Amino acid sequence: GFLARPLGGMLLGRLGDVVGRPQVLMISIFM
């Protein structure tokens, strides 16, 4: 699970910069 974190950081982090921080916070808690 931890080794998957960099990929998650790249995908969700990019989403946070492009779409917005609040949207990422909703997605991550579901996941």
PDB file of all heavy atoms in Angstrom:
ATOM      1  N   GLY A   1       0.821  -1.204   0.000  1.00  0.00           N
ATOM      2  CA  GLY A   1       0.000   0.000   0.000  1.00  0.00           C
ATOM      3  C   GLY A   1       0.854   1.253   0.000  1.00  0.00           C
ATOM      4  O   GLY A   1       0.553   2.228  -0.694  1.00  0.00           O
ATOM      5  N   PHE A   2       1.945   1.229   0.739  1.00  0.00           N
ATOM      6  CA  PHE A   2       2.805   2.399   0.794  1.00  0.00           C
ATOM      7  C   PHE A   2       3.572   2.598  -0.504  1.00  0.00           C
ATOM      8  O   PHE A   2       3.833   3.728  -0.907  1.00  0.00           O
ATOM      9  CB  PHE A   2       3.774   2.265   1.971  1.00  0.00           C
ATOM     10  CG  PHE A   2       3.162   2.694   3.262  1.00  0.00           C
ATOM     11  CD1 PHE A   2       2.295   1.858   3.948  1.00  0.00           C
ATOM     12  CD2 PHE A   2       3.419   3.942   3.781  1.00  0.00           C
ATOM     13  CE1 PHE A   2       1.706   2.253   5.127  1.00  0.00           C
ATOM     14  CE2 PHE A   2       2.839   4.357   4.974  1.00  0.00           C
ATOM     15  CZ  PHE A   2       1.976   3.508   5.646  1.00  0.00           C
ATOM     16  N   LEU A   3       3.921   1.507  -1.171  1.00  0.00           N
ATOM     17  CA  LEU A   3       4.636   1.640  -2.436  1.00  0.00           C
ATOM     18  C   LEU A   3       3.743   2.232  -3.519  1.00  0.00           C
ATOM     19  O   LEU A   3       4.240   2.773  -4.513  1.00  0.00           O
ATOM     20  CB  LEU A   3       5.178   0.267  -2.870  1.00  0.00           C
ATOM     21  CG  LEU A   3       6.266  -0.310  -1.949  1.00  0.00           C
ATOM     22  CD1 LEU A   3       6.647  -1.714  -2.378  1.00  0.00           C
ATOM     23  CD2 LEU A   3       7.501   0.591  -1.934  1.00  0.00           C
ATOM     24  N   ALA A   4       2.410   2.127  -3.338  1.00  0.00           N
ATOM     25  CA  ALA A   4       1.474   2.745  -4.284  1.00  0.00           C
ATOM     26  C   ALA A   4       1.301   4.235  -4.028  1.00  0.00           C
ATOM     27  O   ALA A   4       0.717   4.952  -4.848  1.00  0.00           O
ATOM     28  CB  ALA A   4       0.109   2.041  -4.200  1.00  0.00           C
ATOM     29  N   ARG A   5       1.795   4.720  -2.893  1.00  0.00           N
ATOM     30  CA  ARG A   5       1.569   6.115  -2.521  1.00  0.00           C
ATOM     31  C   ARG A   5       2.147   7.127  -3.503  1.00  0.00           C
ATOM     32  O   ARG A   5       1.484   8.125  -3.808  1.00  0.00           O
ATOM     33  CB  ARG A   5       2.114   6.369  -1.111  1.00  0.00           C
ATOM     34  CG  ARG A   5       1.259   5.752  -0.038  1.00  0.00           C
ATOM     35  CD  ARG A   5       1.837   5.954   1.340  1.00  0.00           C
ATOM     36  NE  ARG A   5       1.977   7.371   1.656  1.00  0.00           N
ATOM     37  CZ  ARG A   5       2.141   7.821   2.884  1.00  0.00           C
ATOM     38  NH1 ARG A   5       2.167   6.990   3.906  1.00  0.00           N
ATOM     39  NH2 ARG A   5       2.267   9.108   3.103  1.00  0.00           N
ATOM     40  N   PRO A   6       3.362   6.938  -4.035  1.00  0.00           N
ATOM     41  CA  PRO A   6       3.859   7.944  -4.988  1.00  0.00           C
ATOM     42  C   PRO A   6       2.953   8.099  -6.207  1.00  0.00           C
ATOM     43  O   PRO A   6       2.734   9.218  -6.672  1.00  0.00           O
ATOM     44  CB  PRO A   6       5.238   7.390  -5.380  1.00  0.00           C
ATOM     45  CG  PRO A   6       5.656   6.571  -4.203  1.00  0.00           C
ATOM     46  CD  PRO A   6       4.396   5.945  -3.705  1.00  0.00           C
ATOM     47  N   LEU A   7       2.415   6.978  -6.728  1.00  0.00           N
ATOM     48  CA  LEU A   7       1.493   7.065  -7.866  1.00  0.00           C
ATOM     49  C   LEU A   7       0.219   7.797  -7.457  1.00  0.00           C
ATOM     50  O   LEU A   7      -0.283   8.659  -8.192  1.00  0.00           O
ATOM     51  CB  LEU A   7       1.158   5.671  -8.388  1.00  0.00           C
ATOM     52  CG  LEU A   7       0.144   5.613  -9.543  1.00  0.00           C
ATOM     53  CD1 LEU A   7       0.662   6.399 -10.750  1.00  0.00           C
ATOM     54  CD2 LEU A   7      -0.137   4.156  -9.929  1.00  0.00           C
ATOM     55  N   GLY A   8      -0.304   7.469  -6.278  1.00  0.00           N
ATOM     56  CA  GLY A   8      -1.482   8.175  -5.782  1.00  0.00           C
ATOM     57  C   GLY A   8      -1.207   9.653  -5.596  1.00  0.00           C
ATOM     58  O   GLY A   8      -2.051  10.503  -5.905  1.00  0.00           O
ATOM     59  N   GLY A   9      -0.006   9.971  -5.088  1.00  0.00           N
ATOM     60  CA  GLY A   9       0.363  11.371  -4.923  1.00  0.00           C
ATOM     61  C   GLY A   9       0.420  12.107  -6.242  1.00  0.00           C
ATOM     62  O   GLY A   9      -0.033  13.253  -6.347  1.00  0.00           O
ATOM     63  N   MET A  10       0.964  11.453  -7.276  1.00  0.00           N
ATOM     64  CA  MET A  10       1.054  12.088  -8.581  1.00  0.00           C
ATOM     65  C   MET A  10      -0.337  12.323  -9.175  1.00  0.00           C
ATOM     66  O   MET A  10      -0.646  13.412  -9.676  1.00  0.00           O
ATOM     67  CB  MET A  10       1.884  11.225  -9.535  1.00  0.00           C
ATOM     68  CG  MET A  10       2.105  11.857 -10.903  1.00  0.00           C
ATOM     69  SD  MET A  10       3.207  10.872 -11.942  1.00  0.00           S
ATOM     70  CE  MET A  10       4.751  11.055 -11.056  1.00  0.00           C
ATOM     71  N   LEU A  11      -1.213  11.294  -9.100  1.00  0.00           N
ATOM     72  CA  LEU A  11      -2.545  11.407  -9.687  1.00  0.00           C
ATOM     73  C   LEU A  11      -3.419  12.398  -8.922  1.00  0.00           C
ATOM     74  O   LEU A  11      -4.000  13.329  -9.500  1.00  0.00           O
ATOM     75  CB  LEU A  11      -3.211  10.029  -9.727  1.00  0.00           C
ATOM     76  CG  LEU A  11      -2.548   8.982 -10.615  1.00  0.00           C
ATOM     77  CD1 LEU A  11      -3.238   7.629 -10.454  1.00  0.00           C
ATOM     78  CD2 LEU A  11      -2.570   9.409 -12.079  1.00  0.00           C
ATOM     79  N   LEU A  12      -3.524  12.206  -7.603  1.00  0.00           N
ATOM     80  CA  LEU A  12      -4.400  13.063  -6.811  1.00  0.00           C
ATOM     81  C   LEU A  12      -3.781  14.446  -6.589  1.00  0.00           C
ATOM     82  O   LEU A  12      -4.509  15.446  -6.517  1.00  0.00           O
ATOM     83  CB  LEU A  12      -4.724  12.399  -5.476  1.00  0.00           C
ATOM     84  CG  LEU A  12      -5.544  11.102  -5.575  1.00  0.00           C
ATOM     85  CD1 LEU A  12      -5.774  10.511  -4.187  1.00  0.00           C
ATOM     86  CD2 LEU A  12      -6.869  11.335  -6.267  1.00  0.00           C
ATOM     87  N   GLY A  13      -2.463  14.508  -6.486  1.00  0.00           N
ATOM     88  CA  GLY A  13      -1.806  15.801  -6.348  1.00  0.00           C
ATOM     89  C   GLY A  13      -2.009  16.656  -7.585  1.00  0.00           C
ATOM     90  O   GLY A  13      -2.304  17.856  -7.496  1.00  0.00           O
ATOM     91  N   ARG A  14      -1.860  16.061  -8.755  1.00  0.00           N
ATOM     92  CA  ARG A  14      -2.093  16.793 -10.003  1.00  0.00           C
ATOM     93  C   ARG A  14      -3.541  17.272 -10.067  1.00  0.00           C
ATOM     94  O   ARG A  14      -3.831  18.402 -10.475  1.00  0.00           O
ATOM     95  CB  ARG A  14      -1.768  15.913 -11.200  1.00  0.00           C
ATOM     96  CG  ARG A  14      -1.856  16.662 -12.528  1.00  0.00           C
ATOM     97  CD  ARG A  14      -1.558  15.765 -13.724  1.00  0.00           C
ATOM     98  NE  ARG A  14      -1.436  16.550 -14.938  1.00  0.00           N
ATOM     99  CZ  ARG A  14      -2.452  17.025 -15.644  1.00  0.00           C
ATOM    100  NH1 ARG A  14      -3.703  16.812 -15.219  1.00  0.00           N
ATOM    101  NH2 ARG A  14      -2.264  17.735 -16.740  1.00  0.00           N
ATOM    102  N   LEU A  15      -4.458  16.409  -9.652  1.00  0.00           N
ATOM    103  CA  LEU A  15      -5.871  16.791  -9.633  1.00  0.00           C
ATOM    104  C   LEU A  15      -6.086  17.986  -8.705  1.00  0.00           C
ATOM    105  O   LEU A  15      -6.862  18.901  -9.009  1.00  0.00           O
ATOM    106  CB  LEU A  15      -6.709  15.600  -9.170  1.00  0.00           C
ATOM    107  CG  LEU A  15      -8.215  15.637  -9.452  1.00  0.00           C
ATOM    108  CD1 LEU A  15      -8.488  15.684 -10.943  1.00  0.00           C
ATOM    109  CD2 LEU A  15      -8.894  14.428  -8.835  1.00  0.00           C
ATOM    110  N   GLY A  16      -5.388  17.990  -7.556  1.00  0.00           N
ATOM    111  CA  GLY A  16      -5.509  19.099  -6.625  1.00  0.00           C
ATOM    112  C   GLY A  16      -5.020  20.410  -7.213  1.00  0.00           C
ATOM    113  O   GLY A  16      -5.602  21.474  -6.959  1.00  0.00           O
ATOM    114  N   ASP A  17      -3.926  20.354  -8.010  1.00  0.00           N
ATOM    115  CA  ASP A  17      -3.400  21.572  -8.622  1.00  0.00           C
ATOM    116  C   ASP A  17      -4.248  22.042  -9.796  1.00  0.00           C
ATOM    117  O   ASP A  17      -4.356  23.237 -10.064  1.00  0.00           O
ATOM    118  CB  ASP A  17      -1.957  21.342  -9.101  1.00  0.00           C
ATOM    119  CG  ASP A  17      -0.952  21.347  -7.958  1.00  0.00           C
ATOM    120  OD1 ASP A  17      -1.171  22.100  -6.992  1.00  0.00           O
ATOM    121  OD2 ASP A  17       0.028  20.600  -8.026  1.00  0.00           O
ATOM    122  N   VAL A  18      -4.875  21.112 -10.518  1.00  0.00           N
ATOM    123  CA  VAL A  18      -5.611  21.455 -11.734  1.00  0.00           C
ATOM    124  C   VAL A  18      -7.091  21.706 -11.456  1.00  0.00           C
ATOM    125  O   VAL A  18      -7.689  22.636 -12.000  1.00  0.00           O
ATOM    126  CB  VAL A  18      -5.450  20.330 -12.795  1.00  0.00           C
ATOM    127  CG1 VAL A  18      -6.327  20.594 -14.011  1.00  0.00           C
ATOM    128  CG2 VAL A  18      -3.984  20.212 -13.208  1.00  0.00           C
ATOM    129  N   VAL A  19      -7.704  20.895 -10.589  1.00  0.00           N
ATOM    130  CA  VAL A  19      -9.147  20.995 -10.331  1.00  0.00           C
ATOM    131  C   VAL A  19      -9.437  21.720  -9.024  1.00  0.00           C
ATOM    132  O   VAL A  19     -10.374  22.523  -8.943  1.00  0.00           O
ATOM    133  CB  VAL A  19      -9.791  19.584 -10.322  1.00  0.00           C
ATOM    134  CG1 VAL A  19     -11.276  19.664  -9.996  1.00  0.00           C
ATOM    135  CG2 VAL A  19      -9.586  18.905 -11.662  1.00  0.00           C
ATOM    136  N   GLY A  20      -8.659  21.416  -7.963  1.00  0.00           N
ATOM    137  CA  GLY A  20      -8.881  22.079  -6.683  1.00  0.00           C
ATOM    138  C   GLY A  20      -8.632  21.165  -5.513  1.00  0.00           C
ATOM    139  O   GLY A  20      -8.793  19.937  -5.612  1.00  0.00           O
ATOM    140  N   ARG A  21      -8.227  21.726  -4.370  1.00  0.00           N
ATOM    141  CA  ARG A  21      -7.927  20.937  -3.172  1.00  0.00           C
ATOM    142  C   ARG A  21      -9.166  20.231  -2.605  1.00  0.00           C
ATOM    143  O   ARG A  21      -9.103  19.047  -2.263  1.00  0.00           O
ATOM    144  CB  ARG A  21      -7.337  21.818  -2.077  1.00  0.00           C
ATOM    145  CG  ARG A  21      -6.028  22.545  -2.235  1.00  0.00           C
ATOM    146  CD  ARG A  21      -5.343  22.693  -3.489  1.00  0.00           C
ATOM    147  NE  ARG A  21      -4.195  23.605  -3.374  1.00  0.00           N
ATOM    148  CZ  ARG A  21      -3.366  23.851  -4.364  1.00  0.00           C
ATOM    149  NH1 ARG A  21      -3.540  23.263  -5.545  1.00  0.00           N
ATOM    150  NH2 ARG A  21      -2.340  24.673  -4.194  1.00  0.00           N
ATOM    151  N   PRO A  22     -10.317  20.909  -2.467  1.00  0.00           N
ATOM    152  CA  PRO A  22     -11.481  20.254  -1.846  1.00  0.00           C
ATOM    153  C   PRO A  22     -11.951  19.005  -2.585  1.00  0.00           C
ATOM    154  O   PRO A  22     -12.379  18.033  -1.961  1.00  0.00           O
ATOM    155  CB  PRO A  22     -12.559  21.349  -1.882  1.00  0.00           C
ATOM    156  CG  PRO A  22     -11.794  22.638  -1.899  1.00  0.00           C
ATOM    157  CD  PRO A  22     -10.593  22.337  -2.742  1.00  0.00           C
ATOM    158  N   GLN A  23     -11.877  19.020  -3.929  1.00  0.00           N
ATOM    159  CA  GLN A  23     -12.321  17.860  -4.696  1.00  0.00           C
ATOM    160  C   GLN A  23     -11.471  16.630  -4.382  1.00  0.00           C
ATOM    161  O   GLN A  23     -11.980  15.513  -4.254  1.00  0.00           O
ATOM    162  CB  GLN A  23     -12.262  18.175  -6.204  1.00  0.00           C
ATOM    163  CG  GLN A  23     -13.335  19.132  -6.675  1.00  0.00           C
ATOM    164  CD  GLN A  23     -13.018  20.601  -6.387  1.00  0.00           C
ATOM    165  OE1 GLN A  23     -12.034  20.903  -5.716  1.00  0.00           O
ATOM    166  NE2 GLN A  23     -13.856  21.497  -6.875  1.00  0.00           N
ATOM    167  N   VAL A  24     -10.173  16.841  -4.246  1.00  0.00           N
ATOM    168  CA  VAL A  24      -9.271  15.726  -3.924  1.00  0.00           C
ATOM    169  C   VAL A  24      -9.570  15.182  -2.533  1.00  0.00           C
ATOM    170  O   VAL A  24      -9.543  13.959  -2.314  1.00  0.00           O
ATOM    171  CB  VAL A  24      -7.800  16.190  -4.023  1.00  0.00           C
ATOM    172  CG1 VAL A  24      -6.861  15.129  -3.460  1.00  0.00           C
ATOM    173  CG2 VAL A  24      -7.436  16.486  -5.454  1.00  0.00           C
ATOM    174  N   LEU A  25      -9.861  16.064  -1.594  1.00  0.00           N
ATOM    175  CA  LEU A  25     -10.130  15.624  -0.230  1.00  0.00           C
ATOM    176  C   LEU A  25     -11.384  14.755  -0.153  1.00  0.00           C
ATOM    177  O   LEU A  25     -11.455  13.837   0.674  1.00  0.00           O
ATOM    178  CB  LEU A  25     -10.270  16.846   0.685  1.00  0.00           C
ATOM    179  CG  LEU A  25      -8.991  17.675   0.878  1.00  0.00           C
ATOM    180  CD1 LEU A  25      -9.267  18.909   1.725  1.00  0.00           C
ATOM    181  CD2 LEU A  25      -7.877  16.846   1.498  1.00  0.00           C
ATOM    182  N   MET A  26     -12.370  14.999  -1.005  1.00  0.00           N
ATOM    183  CA  MET A  26     -13.567  14.156  -1.036  1.00  0.00           C
ATOM    184  C   MET A  26     -13.252  12.789  -1.657  1.00  0.00           C
ATOM    185  O   MET A  26     -13.674  11.743  -1.151  1.00  0.00           O
ATOM    186  CB  MET A  26     -14.679  14.846  -1.826  1.00  0.00           C
ATOM    187  CG  MET A  26     -15.257  16.073  -1.139  1.00  0.00           C
ATOM    188  SD  MET A  26     -16.127  15.687   0.400  1.00  0.00           S
ATOM    189  CE  MET A  26     -17.639  14.963  -0.242  1.00  0.00           C
ATOM    190  N   ILE A  27     -12.505  12.794  -2.750  1.00  0.00           N
ATOM    191  CA  ILE A  27     -12.172  11.537  -3.438  1.00  0.00           C
ATOM    192  C   ILE A  27     -11.338  10.629  -2.541  1.00  0.00           C
ATOM    193  O   ILE A  27     -11.584   9.419  -2.441  1.00  0.00           O
ATOM    194  CB  ILE A  27     -11.421  11.838  -4.750  1.00  0.00           C
ATOM    195  CG1 ILE A  27     -12.363  12.505  -5.761  1.00  0.00           C
ATOM    196  CG2 ILE A  27     -10.846  10.546  -5.353  1.00  0.00           C
ATOM    197  CD1 ILE A  27     -11.640  13.068  -6.972  1.00  0.00           C
ATOM    198  N   SER A  28     -10.349  11.190  -1.881  1.00  0.00           N
ATOM    199  CA  SER A  28      -9.411  10.374  -1.108  1.00  0.00           C
ATOM    200  C   SER A  28     -10.088   9.669   0.062  1.00  0.00           C
ATOM    201  O   SER A  28      -9.748   8.524   0.385  1.00  0.00           O
ATOM    202  CB  SER A  28      -8.237  11.222  -0.611  1.00  0.00           C
ATOM    203  OG  SER A  28      -8.682  12.217   0.289  1.00  0.00           O
ATOM    204  N   ILE A  29     -11.056  10.329   0.705  1.00  0.00           N
ATOM    205  CA  ILE A  29     -11.702   9.690   1.857  1.00  0.00           C
ATOM    206  C   ILE A  29     -12.595   8.530   1.422  1.00  0.00           C
ATOM    207  O   ILE A  29     -12.709   7.515   2.111  1.00  0.00           O
ATOM    208  CB  ILE A  29     -12.474  10.730   2.706  1.00  0.00           C
ATOM    209  CG1 ILE A  29     -12.656  10.188   4.129  1.00  0.00           C
ATOM    210  CG2 ILE A  29     -13.802  11.104   2.083  1.00  0.00           C
ATOM    211  CD1 ILE A  29     -13.091  11.245   5.126  1.00  0.00           C
ATOM    212  N   PHE A  30     -13.211   8.642   0.228  1.00  0.00           N
ATOM    213  CA  PHE A  30     -13.968   7.520  -0.333  1.00  0.00           C
ATOM    214  C   PHE A  30     -13.049   6.328  -0.587  1.00  0.00           C
ATOM    215  O   PHE A  30     -13.384   5.175  -0.281  1.00  0.00           O
ATOM    216  CB  PHE A  30     -14.618   7.932  -1.668  1.00  0.00           C
ATOM    217  CG  PHE A  30     -16.031   8.405  -1.538  1.00  0.00           C
ATOM    218  CD1 PHE A  30     -16.378   9.698  -1.899  1.00  0.00           C
ATOM    219  CD2 PHE A  30     -17.033   7.569  -1.067  1.00  0.00           C
ATOM    220  CE1 PHE A  30     -17.681  10.161  -1.781  1.00  0.00           C
ATOM    221  CE2 PHE A  30     -18.344   8.011  -0.948  1.00  0.00           C
ATOM    222  CZ  PHE A  30     -18.662   9.306  -1.310  1.00  0.00           C
ATOM    223  N   MET A  31     -11.886   6.606  -1.168  1.00  0.00           N
ATOM    224  CA  MET A  31     -10.964   5.532  -1.553  1.00  0.00           C
ATOM    225  C   MET A  31     -10.383   4.807  -0.343  1.00  0.00           C
ATOM    226  O   MET A  31      -9.879   3.687  -0.478  1.00  0.00           O
ATOM    227  CB  MET A  31      -9.824   6.104  -2.406  1.00  0.00           C
ATOM    228  CG  MET A  31     -10.248   6.530  -3.792  1.00  0.00           C
ATOM    229  SD  MET A  31      -8.889   7.332  -4.692  1.00  0.00           S
ATOM    230  CE  MET A  31      -7.706   5.994  -4.825  1.00  0.00           C
TER     231      MET A  31
END
